[in-house]
Amino acid sequence: MPVAVARADSIELSWPAAADAGLYVVERRPADGTWSEVARLAAARSSWADTSASPGRTWCYRVYVQGPDGSLRLHAREHCVAPAPDRDAADAAQRRVRVRGGWLQEVEP
């Protein structure tokens, strides 16, 4: 299984190396969507950072390895993760909300 770590500006994936890898193919899908290829990486790589994953959604990843015969096989099963929220948006939302009498009240900036 790949390891996926959400950062403020990316999702970082890593997986165990395959001895016979010619290259790796990384696929991504939204939790409720279909798979699409997002990266083809040299065999020497066993990690990749997805900088195009939108905050606020859960993304799932899987990794295929291309062997010496050219065929692809699943190398790392699906792993899903949500990117860290956009820090500026989170800070702005936090500034717009205050507690009043035990209730949250939205206020204008």
Protein backbone atom coordinates (compact mmCIF):
# COMPACT_ATOMS: atom_id res chain seq x y z
CA MET A 1 0.00 0.00 0.00
CA PRO A 2 1.34 3.47 -0.76
CA VAL A 3 1.81 5.86 2.09
CA ALA A 4 0.11 9.21 1.51
CA VAL A 5 0.78 12.21 3.72
CA ALA A 6 -1.25 15.40 3.38
CA ARG A 7 0.74 18.64 3.51
CA ALA A 8 -0.46 22.24 3.26
CA ASP A 9 0.35 22.41 -0.47
CA SER A 10 0.53 18.78 -1.63
CA ILE A 11 -0.06 15.13 -0.95
CA GLU A 12 3.17 13.17 -0.74
CA LEU A 13 3.09 9.52 -1.77
CA SER A 14 5.71 6.85 -1.25
CA TRP A 15 5.76 3.13 -1.89
CA PRO A 16 8.19 0.22 -1.62
CA ALA A 17 10.52 -0.18 -4.59
CA ALA A 18 9.94 -3.05 -7.03
CA ALA A 19 13.08 -4.92 -8.06
CA ASP A 20 11.94 -5.35 -11.66
CA ALA A 21 10.40 -1.90 -12.19
CA GLY A 22 10.84 -0.27 -15.57
CA LEU A 23 8.68 2.65 -14.44
CA TYR A 24 5.85 3.50 -12.08
CA VAL A 25 2.41 4.78 -13.04
CA VAL A 26 0.48 6.74 -10.40
CA GLU A 27 -3.30 6.98 -10.69
CA ARG A 28 -5.62 9.25 -8.74
CA ARG A 29 -9.35 9.60 -8.30
CA PRO A 30 -11.65 11.66 -6.14
CA ALA A 31 -13.31 9.47 -3.50
CA ASP A 32 -16.52 9.43 -5.57
CA GLY A 33 -14.94 9.44 -9.04
CA THR A 34 -13.01 7.51 -11.66
CA TRP A 35 -9.29 6.78 -11.96
CA SER A 36 -6.95 8.80 -14.16
CA GLU A 37 -3.20 8.68 -14.64
CA VAL A 38 -1.39 11.60 -12.99
CA ALA A 39 2.27 10.60 -13.21
CA ARG A 40 4.78 8.28 -14.94
CA LEU A 41 7.98 8.02 -12.98
CA ALA A 42 11.39 6.47 -13.54
CA ALA A 43 12.14 3.17 -11.81
CA ALA A 44 14.59 4.89 -9.46
CA ARG A 45 11.71 6.86 -7.89
CA SER A 46 9.58 5.51 -5.07
CA SER A 47 7.83 8.74 -4.13
CA TRP A 48 5.92 11.59 -5.75
CA ALA A 49 4.20 14.79 -4.58
CA ASP A 50 0.77 15.65 -5.96
CA THR A 51 0.59 19.44 -6.01
CA SER A 52 -2.62 19.59 -8.03
CA ALA A 53 -4.97 17.89 -5.54
CA SER A 54 -7.70 20.34 -4.54
CA PRO A 55 -8.22 21.01 -0.84
CA GLY A 56 -11.57 19.99 0.59
CA ARG A 57 -11.77 16.68 -1.30
CA THR A 58 -10.62 13.21 -0.49
CA TRP A 59 -8.24 11.76 -3.08
CA CYS A 60 -7.38 8.11 -3.62
CA TYR A 61 -4.14 6.85 -5.15
CA ARG A 62 -2.77 3.58 -6.47
CA VAL A 63 0.55 2.72 -8.08
CA TYR A 64 1.30 0.35 -10.95
CA VAL A 65 4.71 -0.94 -11.93
CA GLN A 66 5.71 -1.65 -15.51
CA GLY A 67 7.82 -4.80 -15.67
CA PRO A 68 10.55 -5.76 -18.17
CA ASP A 69 7.95 -7.22 -20.56
CA GLY A 70 6.08 -3.87 -20.71
CA SER A 71 2.99 -5.05 -18.86
CA LEU A 72 1.54 -3.08 -15.96
CA ARG A 73 0.65 -4.70 -12.66
CA LEU A 74 -0.78 -3.23 -9.50
CA HIS A 75 2.11 -2.51 -7.14
CA ALA A 76 0.52 -0.46 -4.35
CA ARG A 77 -3.16 -0.78 -3.53
CA GLU A 78 -5.54 2.13 -3.12
CA HIS A 79 -4.92 4.63 -0.35
CA CYS A 80 -7.17 7.65 0.25
CA VAL A 81 -6.30 10.92 1.98
CA ALA A 82 -7.67 14.45 2.24
CA PRO A 83 -5.22 17.31 1.67
CA ALA A 84 -4.64 19.69 4.53
CA PRO A 85 -7.04 22.62 4.36
CA ASP A 86 -5.82 25.80 2.74
CA ARG A 87 -4.21 27.64 5.66
CA ASP A 88 -5.23 31.12 4.47
CA ALA A 89 -8.85 30.05 3.96
CA ALA A 90 -8.90 28.33 7.36
CA ASP A 91 -7.46 31.42 9.05
CA ALA A 92 -10.00 33.68 7.33
CA ALA A 93 -12.88 31.40 8.34
CA GLN A 94 -11.62 31.33 11.90
CA ARG A 95 -11.49 35.15 12.02
CA ARG A 96 -15.11 35.36 10.80
CA VAL A 97 -16.47 33.22 13.62
CA ARG A 98 -16.63 34.10 17.29
CA VAL A 99 -18.26 32.49 20.28
CA ARG A 100 -21.13 34.39 21.86
CA GLY A 101 -23.04 32.92 24.80
CA GLY A 102 -21.94 29.38 23.93
CA TRP A 103 -23.11 29.74 20.30
CA LEU A 104 -20.98 30.31 17.23
CA GLN A 105 -21.87 33.50 15.44
CA GLU A 106 -20.54 34.49 12.04
CA VAL A 107 -19.27 38.05 11.93
CA GLU A 108 -18.14 40.25 9.07
CA PRO A 109 -14.40 40.89 8.80
